[in-house]
């Protein structure tokens, strides 16, 4: 009985804490990969089938379309984006939801924000989808 009590009291929160750390580490790999122009960190964080989306207008018109980037494109751009990210950064990622298999993370950066969807593959958290937009995603508190 005392072993069961120990498992119920201590194993769950420790595992949850480890999961939270692993989720944040994957999200930070994506964010730091971008803002530190570290393509290896970016590659380690992304699932190869990742897609990053945003709604974008064509010039000054009202016509909108979905702008899509792939994992390969993000990794490639992170090798050459030093001028774009100069003097820019991000706030710490905020986990909005997670369970044993999937997670949703919000991240505010200088000039844009991301909703980062992650999934656990072979025991590792990977970014599988990002929905992003320019501006402030949440009011500053």
N, C-alpha and C. Protein backbone atom coordinates (compact mmCIF):
# COMPACT_ATOMS: atom_id res chain seq x y z
N UNK A 1 0.82 -1.19 0.00
CA UNK A 1 0.00 0.00 0.00
C UNK A 1 0.87 1.26 0.00
N UNK A 2 1.95 1.26 0.76
CA UNK A 2 2.79 2.46 0.82
C UNK A 2 3.48 2.72 -0.51
N UNK A 3 3.78 1.69 -1.29
CA UNK A 3 4.37 1.89 -2.61
C UNK A 3 3.36 2.57 -3.54
N UNK A 4 2.12 2.13 -3.50
CA UNK A 4 1.08 2.76 -4.30
C UNK A 4 0.92 4.23 -3.93
N UNK A 5 0.92 4.53 -2.65
CA UNK A 5 0.81 5.92 -2.20
C UNK A 5 1.98 6.74 -2.74
N UNK A 6 3.18 6.19 -2.70
CA UNK A 6 4.37 6.89 -3.19
C UNK A 6 4.23 7.18 -4.69
N UNK A 7 3.81 6.18 -5.45
CA UNK A 7 3.66 6.35 -6.89
C UNK A 7 2.61 7.42 -7.20
N UNK A 8 1.48 7.37 -6.53
CA UNK A 8 0.41 8.33 -6.78
C UNK A 8 0.81 9.75 -6.39
N UNK A 9 1.57 9.88 -5.33
CA UNK A 9 1.93 11.21 -4.84
C UNK A 9 3.13 11.81 -5.56
N UNK A 10 4.08 10.98 -5.95
CA UNK A 10 5.33 11.54 -6.44
C UNK A 10 5.63 11.25 -7.91
N UNK A 11 5.24 10.13 -8.43
CA UNK A 11 5.60 9.78 -9.81
C UNK A 11 4.87 10.66 -10.81
N UNK A 12 3.60 10.93 -10.60
CA UNK A 12 2.83 11.75 -11.53
C UNK A 12 3.38 13.14 -11.70
N UNK A 13 3.53 13.93 -10.64
CA UNK A 13 4.05 15.28 -10.80
C UNK A 13 5.46 15.32 -11.36
N UNK A 14 6.32 14.39 -10.99
CA UNK A 14 7.68 14.38 -11.51
C UNK A 14 7.66 14.11 -13.01
N UNK A 15 6.82 13.16 -13.42
CA UNK A 15 6.72 12.86 -14.85
C UNK A 15 6.15 14.07 -15.58
N UNK A 16 5.13 14.70 -15.02
CA UNK A 16 4.54 15.88 -15.64
C UNK A 16 5.57 16.99 -15.75
N UNK A 17 6.37 17.18 -14.71
CA UNK A 17 7.42 18.19 -14.73
C UNK A 17 8.44 17.90 -15.82
N UNK A 18 8.80 16.63 -15.98
CA UNK A 18 9.75 16.24 -17.03
C UNK A 18 9.13 16.49 -18.41
N UNK A 19 7.84 16.21 -18.56
CA UNK A 19 7.16 16.45 -19.84
C UNK A 19 7.12 17.94 -20.16
N UNK A 20 6.79 18.75 -19.17
CA UNK A 20 6.75 20.20 -19.36
C UNK A 20 8.12 20.71 -19.80
N UNK A 21 9.17 20.23 -19.15
CA UNK A 21 10.53 20.63 -19.51
C UNK A 21 10.85 20.21 -20.94
N UNK A 22 10.48 19.00 -21.31
CA UNK A 22 10.76 18.50 -22.66
C UNK A 22 9.98 19.28 -23.72
N UNK A 23 8.74 19.64 -23.43
CA UNK A 23 7.92 20.42 -24.35
C UNK A 23 8.54 21.81 -24.54
N UNK A 24 8.90 22.45 -23.44
CA UNK A 24 9.52 23.78 -23.53
C UNK A 24 10.86 23.72 -24.26
N UNK A 25 11.61 22.66 -24.04
CA UNK A 25 12.90 22.51 -24.72
C UNK A 25 12.70 22.43 -26.23
N UNK A 26 11.71 21.67 -26.68
CA UNK A 26 11.42 21.57 -28.12
C UNK A 26 10.96 22.92 -28.67
N UNK A 27 10.07 23.60 -27.95
CA UNK A 27 9.60 24.91 -28.41
C UNK A 27 10.75 25.91 -28.46
N UNK A 28 11.63 25.87 -27.46
CA UNK A 28 12.79 26.77 -27.46
C UNK A 28 13.77 26.42 -28.56
N UNK A 29 13.85 25.15 -28.93
CA UNK A 29 14.70 24.78 -30.06
C UNK A 29 14.25 25.47 -31.34
N UNK A 30 12.94 25.50 -31.54
CA UNK A 30 12.36 26.21 -32.69
C UNK A 30 12.62 27.71 -32.59
N UNK A 31 12.30 28.31 -31.43
CA UNK A 31 12.44 29.75 -31.26
C UNK A 31 13.90 30.19 -31.29
N UNK A 32 14.75 29.51 -30.53
CA UNK A 32 16.17 29.87 -30.50
C UNK A 32 16.84 29.55 -31.83
N UNK A 33 16.40 28.49 -32.48
CA UNK A 33 16.93 28.18 -33.80
C UNK A 33 16.73 29.35 -34.75
N UNK A 34 15.57 29.99 -34.64
CA UNK A 34 15.27 31.15 -35.49
C UNK A 34 16.07 32.38 -35.04
N UNK A 35 15.94 32.74 -33.77
CA UNK A 35 16.52 34.00 -33.30
C UNK A 35 18.03 33.96 -33.09
N UNK A 36 18.60 32.79 -33.02
CA UNK A 36 20.07 32.67 -32.91
C UNK A 36 20.68 32.16 -34.22
N UNK A 37 19.84 32.09 -35.27
CA UNK A 37 20.29 31.61 -36.57
C UNK A 37 21.04 30.28 -36.45
N UNK A 38 20.44 29.37 -35.68
CA UNK A 38 21.05 28.07 -35.40
C UNK A 38 20.23 26.98 -36.11
N UNK A 39 20.65 26.66 -37.32
CA UNK A 39 19.88 25.71 -38.13
C UNK A 39 19.87 24.31 -37.53
N UNK A 40 20.92 23.93 -36.80
CA UNK A 40 20.94 22.60 -36.18
C UNK A 40 19.91 22.51 -35.06
N UNK A 41 19.83 23.57 -34.25
CA UNK A 41 18.83 23.60 -33.18
C UNK A 41 17.43 23.56 -33.77
N UNK A 42 17.24 24.30 -34.87
CA UNK A 42 15.94 24.30 -35.55
C UNK A 42 15.63 22.90 -36.06
N UNK A 43 16.58 22.26 -36.72
CA UNK A 43 16.36 20.92 -37.28
C UNK A 43 16.03 19.92 -36.18
N UNK A 44 16.71 20.03 -35.05
CA UNK A 44 16.46 19.10 -33.94
C UNK A 44 15.06 19.25 -33.37
N UNK A 45 14.49 20.47 -33.44
CA UNK A 45 13.18 20.74 -32.84
C UNK A 45 12.01 20.35 -33.74
N UNK A 46 12.23 20.33 -35.04
CA UNK A 46 11.13 20.16 -35.99
C UNK A 46 10.94 18.72 -36.43
N UNK A 47 9.69 18.34 -36.61
CA UNK A 47 9.38 17.10 -37.30
C UNK A 47 9.58 17.38 -38.79
N UNK A 48 10.10 16.44 -39.56
CA UNK A 48 10.37 16.70 -40.98
C UNK A 48 9.14 17.08 -41.79
N UNK A 49 7.94 16.72 -41.34
CA UNK A 49 6.72 17.06 -42.07
C UNK A 49 6.05 18.34 -41.56
N UNK A 50 6.75 19.12 -40.73
CA UNK A 50 6.19 20.36 -40.21
C UNK A 50 5.76 21.30 -41.33
N UNK A 51 4.68 22.01 -41.06
CA UNK A 51 4.26 23.13 -41.91
C UNK A 51 3.97 24.31 -40.99
N UNK A 52 4.39 25.49 -41.43
CA UNK A 52 4.16 26.74 -40.70
C UNK A 52 3.26 27.60 -41.58
N UNK A 53 2.14 28.08 -41.00
CA UNK A 53 1.11 28.78 -41.76
C UNK A 53 0.87 30.18 -41.20
N UNK A 54 0.42 31.07 -42.09
CA UNK A 54 -0.16 32.34 -41.67
C UNK A 54 -1.08 32.83 -42.78
N UNK A 55 -2.05 33.64 -42.40
CA UNK A 55 -2.91 34.29 -43.37
C UNK A 55 -2.23 35.60 -43.76
N UNK A 56 -2.12 35.82 -45.06
CA UNK A 56 -1.40 37.00 -45.56
C UNK A 56 -2.22 37.65 -46.67
N UNK A 57 -2.17 38.98 -46.70
CA UNK A 57 -2.86 39.73 -47.75
C UNK A 57 -1.91 39.96 -48.92
N UNK A 58 -2.51 40.05 -50.10
CA UNK A 58 -1.75 40.38 -51.30
C UNK A 58 -1.68 41.89 -51.39
N UNK A 59 -0.50 42.44 -51.10
CA UNK A 59 -0.31 43.89 -51.16
C UNK A 59 -1.34 44.63 -50.34
N UNK A 60 -1.95 45.65 -50.96
CA UNK A 60 -2.97 46.46 -50.28
C UNK A 60 -4.38 45.96 -50.56
N UNK A 61 -4.50 44.85 -51.25
CA UNK A 61 -5.82 44.33 -51.61
C UNK A 61 -6.45 43.62 -50.42
N UNK A 62 -7.70 43.23 -50.61
CA UNK A 62 -8.41 42.46 -49.59
C UNK A 62 -8.23 40.96 -49.78
N UNK A 63 -7.56 40.57 -50.87
CA UNK A 63 -7.35 39.15 -51.16
C UNK A 63 -6.36 38.56 -50.16
N UNK A 64 -6.78 37.45 -49.54
CA UNK A 64 -5.93 36.77 -48.56
C UNK A 64 -5.60 35.37 -49.04
N UNK A 65 -4.47 34.88 -48.59
CA UNK A 65 -4.07 33.52 -48.92
C UNK A 65 -3.30 32.94 -47.74
N UNK A 66 -3.11 31.63 -47.77
CA UNK A 66 -2.34 30.96 -46.73
C UNK A 66 -0.89 30.89 -47.20
N UNK A 67 -0.01 31.51 -46.44
CA UNK A 67 1.44 31.47 -46.69
C UNK A 67 1.98 30.27 -45.91
N UNK A 68 2.68 29.36 -46.57
CA UNK A 68 3.12 28.12 -45.95
C UNK A 68 4.64 27.99 -46.07
N UNK A 69 5.27 27.55 -44.99
CA UNK A 69 6.69 27.19 -45.00
C UNK A 69 6.82 25.76 -44.51
N UNK A 70 7.78 25.05 -45.04
CA UNK A 70 8.04 23.67 -44.62
C UNK A 70 9.20 23.64 -43.63
N UNK A 71 9.42 22.48 -43.04
CA UNK A 71 10.56 22.31 -42.13
C UNK A 71 11.86 22.60 -42.88
N UNK A 72 11.98 22.08 -44.06
CA UNK A 72 13.20 22.28 -44.86
C UNK A 72 13.45 23.77 -45.11
N UNK A 73 12.40 24.51 -45.43
CA UNK A 73 12.56 25.95 -45.66
C UNK A 73 12.96 26.68 -44.39
N UNK A 74 12.31 26.34 -43.25
CA UNK A 74 12.66 27.00 -41.99
C UNK A 74 14.11 26.72 -41.60
N UNK A 75 14.55 25.51 -41.78
CA UNK A 75 15.93 25.16 -41.45
C UNK A 75 16.89 25.94 -42.36
N UNK A 76 16.58 26.00 -43.64
CA UNK A 76 17.42 26.75 -44.58
C UNK A 76 17.47 28.23 -44.28
N UNK A 77 16.31 28.82 -43.98
CA UNK A 77 16.26 30.25 -43.68
C UNK A 77 17.01 30.55 -42.38
N UNK A 78 16.92 29.65 -41.42
CA UNK A 78 17.60 29.91 -40.14
C UNK A 78 19.12 29.93 -40.29
N UNK A 79 19.64 29.44 -41.41
CA UNK A 79 21.08 29.53 -41.67
C UNK A 79 21.50 30.92 -42.13
N UNK A 80 20.55 31.69 -42.69
CA UNK A 80 20.91 32.96 -43.34
C UNK A 80 20.14 34.17 -42.81
N UNK A 81 19.42 34.04 -41.71
CA UNK A 81 18.51 35.11 -41.28
C UNK A 81 19.12 36.08 -40.27
N UNK A 82 20.43 36.13 -40.15
CA UNK A 82 21.08 36.95 -39.12
C UNK A 82 20.64 38.42 -39.15
N UNK A 83 20.47 39.00 -40.31
CA UNK A 83 20.06 40.41 -40.40
C UNK A 83 18.61 40.60 -39.98
N UNK A 84 17.76 39.65 -40.31
CA UNK A 84 16.34 39.76 -39.96
C UNK A 84 16.13 39.72 -38.45
N UNK A 85 16.93 38.93 -37.77
CA UNK A 85 16.71 38.72 -36.33
C UNK A 85 17.62 39.56 -35.44
N UNK A 86 18.43 40.38 -36.05
CA UNK A 86 19.36 41.23 -35.28
C UNK A 86 18.58 42.07 -34.27
N UNK A 87 19.01 42.01 -33.02
CA UNK A 87 18.39 42.77 -31.92
C UNK A 87 16.94 42.39 -31.67
N UNK A 88 16.55 41.18 -32.02
CA UNK A 88 15.20 40.70 -31.77
C UNK A 88 15.27 39.43 -30.94
N UNK A 89 14.17 39.10 -30.31
CA UNK A 89 14.13 37.90 -29.49
C UNK A 89 12.70 37.47 -29.23
N UNK A 90 12.55 36.63 -28.23
CA UNK A 90 11.23 36.10 -27.89
C UNK A 90 11.08 36.01 -26.38
N UNK A 91 9.83 35.96 -25.95
CA UNK A 91 9.53 35.69 -24.55
C UNK A 91 9.51 34.18 -24.36
N UNK A 92 9.56 33.75 -23.13
CA UNK A 92 9.51 32.31 -22.87
C UNK A 92 8.23 31.71 -23.38
N UNK A 93 8.29 30.48 -23.88
CA UNK A 93 7.08 29.82 -24.37
C UNK A 93 6.11 29.51 -23.23
N UNK A 94 4.83 29.62 -23.53
CA UNK A 94 3.77 29.35 -22.55
C UNK A 94 2.97 28.14 -23.01
N UNK A 95 2.98 27.09 -22.23
CA UNK A 95 2.22 25.89 -22.58
C UNK A 95 0.74 26.15 -22.28
N UNK A 96 -0.09 26.08 -23.32
CA UNK A 96 -1.52 26.28 -23.18
C UNK A 96 -2.25 24.98 -22.88
N UNK A 97 -1.71 23.88 -23.41
CA UNK A 97 -2.32 22.56 -23.22
C UNK A 97 -1.24 21.51 -23.45
N UNK A 98 -1.32 20.42 -22.68
CA UNK A 98 -0.50 19.26 -23.00
C UNK A 98 -1.07 18.02 -22.32
N UNK A 99 -0.80 16.90 -22.96
CA UNK A 99 -1.05 15.60 -22.35
C UNK A 99 0.14 14.72 -22.71
N UNK A 100 0.00 13.43 -22.67
CA UNK A 100 1.14 12.54 -22.93
C UNK A 100 1.55 12.52 -24.40
N UNK A 101 0.68 12.98 -25.31
CA UNK A 101 0.93 12.83 -26.74
C UNK A 101 1.10 14.13 -27.52
N UNK A 102 0.37 15.18 -27.12
CA UNK A 102 0.39 16.44 -27.88
C UNK A 102 0.47 17.63 -26.93
N UNK A 103 0.88 18.77 -27.50
CA UNK A 103 0.95 20.00 -26.71
C UNK A 103 0.72 21.20 -27.63
N UNK A 104 0.20 22.28 -27.04
CA UNK A 104 0.03 23.56 -27.73
C UNK A 104 0.74 24.62 -26.91
N UNK A 105 1.60 25.39 -27.58
CA UNK A 105 2.43 26.39 -26.90
C UNK A 105 2.22 27.73 -27.58
N UNK A 106 2.13 28.79 -26.79
CA UNK A 106 2.07 30.16 -27.31
C UNK A 106 3.43 30.80 -27.10
N UNK A 107 3.90 31.54 -28.11
CA UNK A 107 5.17 32.27 -27.97
C UNK A 107 5.04 33.63 -28.62
N UNK A 108 5.34 34.67 -27.84
CA UNK A 108 5.37 36.04 -28.36
C UNK A 108 6.82 36.40 -28.66
N UNK A 109 7.04 36.89 -29.85
CA UNK A 109 8.37 37.33 -30.25
C UNK A 109 8.29 38.78 -30.64
N UNK A 110 9.44 39.39 -30.89
CA UNK A 110 9.46 40.77 -31.35
C UNK A 110 8.87 40.84 -32.76
N UNK A 111 7.66 41.35 -32.86
CA UNK A 111 7.03 41.56 -34.16
C UNK A 111 6.06 40.49 -34.61
N UNK A 112 6.02 39.35 -33.97
CA UNK A 112 5.08 38.31 -34.36
C UNK A 112 4.84 37.34 -33.21
N UNK A 113 3.86 36.45 -33.41
CA UNK A 113 3.55 35.45 -32.40
C UNK A 113 3.24 34.12 -33.07
N UNK A 114 3.44 33.05 -32.30
CA UNK A 114 3.26 31.70 -32.80
C UNK A 114 2.34 30.90 -31.89
N UNK A 115 1.52 30.06 -32.47
CA UNK A 115 0.87 28.95 -31.78
C UNK A 115 1.58 27.71 -32.29
N UNK A 116 2.31 27.07 -31.42
CA UNK A 116 3.19 25.96 -31.78
C UNK A 116 2.54 24.65 -31.34
N UNK A 117 2.29 23.76 -32.28
CA UNK A 117 1.72 22.44 -31.97
C UNK A 117 2.85 21.42 -32.00
N UNK A 118 2.92 20.63 -30.94
CA UNK A 118 3.95 19.61 -30.81
C UNK A 118 3.31 18.25 -30.63
N UNK A 119 4.05 17.22 -31.02
CA UNK A 119 3.62 15.84 -30.81
C UNK A 119 4.84 15.04 -30.38
N UNK A 120 4.56 13.99 -29.64
CA UNK A 120 5.62 13.13 -29.15
C UNK A 120 5.83 11.98 -30.13
N UNK A 121 7.04 11.87 -30.67
CA UNK A 121 7.41 10.82 -31.61
C UNK A 121 8.58 10.05 -31.04
N UNK A 122 8.41 8.73 -30.87
CA UNK A 122 9.49 7.89 -30.37
C UNK A 122 10.13 8.47 -29.10
N UNK A 123 9.28 9.00 -28.22
CA UNK A 123 9.76 9.52 -26.94
C UNK A 123 10.30 10.94 -26.98
N UNK A 124 10.29 11.60 -28.14
CA UNK A 124 10.80 12.97 -28.25
C UNK A 124 9.70 13.91 -28.72
N UNK A 125 9.66 15.10 -28.11
CA UNK A 125 8.72 16.13 -28.52
C UNK A 125 9.26 16.83 -29.75
N UNK A 126 8.42 16.99 -30.78
CA UNK A 126 8.78 17.65 -32.02
C UNK A 126 7.71 18.66 -32.40
N UNK A 127 8.11 19.78 -32.95
CA UNK A 127 7.18 20.77 -33.47
C UNK A 127 6.65 20.24 -34.79
N UNK A 128 5.32 20.11 -34.89
CA UNK A 128 4.71 19.56 -36.10
C UNK A 128 3.95 20.60 -36.92
N UNK A 129 3.54 21.69 -36.25
CA UNK A 129 2.78 22.71 -36.96
C UNK A 129 2.90 24.02 -36.20
N UNK A 130 2.98 25.11 -36.96
CA UNK A 130 3.01 26.44 -36.35
C UNK A 130 2.03 27.32 -37.11
N UNK A 131 1.15 27.99 -36.39
CA UNK A 131 0.28 29.02 -36.94
C UNK A 131 0.80 30.33 -36.38
N UNK A 132 1.11 31.28 -37.26
CA UNK A 132 1.73 32.51 -36.78
C UNK A 132 1.14 33.72 -37.47
N UNK A 133 1.42 34.88 -36.87
CA UNK A 133 0.97 36.14 -37.45
C UNK A 133 1.84 37.26 -36.92
N UNK A 134 1.87 38.36 -37.62
CA UNK A 134 2.64 39.52 -37.17
C UNK A 134 1.85 40.25 -36.08
N UNK A 135 2.56 41.02 -35.28
CA UNK A 135 1.94 41.82 -34.23
C UNK A 135 2.00 41.15 -32.86
N UNK A 136 1.11 41.60 -32.00
CA UNK A 136 1.04 41.09 -30.63
C UNK A 136 -0.09 40.07 -30.56
N UNK A 137 0.20 38.90 -30.05
CA UNK A 137 -0.80 37.86 -29.96
C UNK A 137 -1.68 37.96 -28.73
N UNK A 138 -1.11 38.50 -27.67
CA UNK A 138 -1.84 38.64 -26.41
C UNK A 138 -1.48 39.99 -25.83
N UNK A 139 -2.39 40.61 -25.11
CA UNK A 139 -2.01 41.87 -24.46
C UNK A 139 -0.89 41.64 -23.45
N UNK A 140 0.03 42.59 -23.39
CA UNK A 140 1.11 42.48 -22.40
C UNK A 140 0.52 42.67 -21.01
N UNK A 141 1.02 41.86 -20.07
CA UNK A 141 0.47 41.91 -18.71
C UNK A 141 1.44 42.62 -17.79
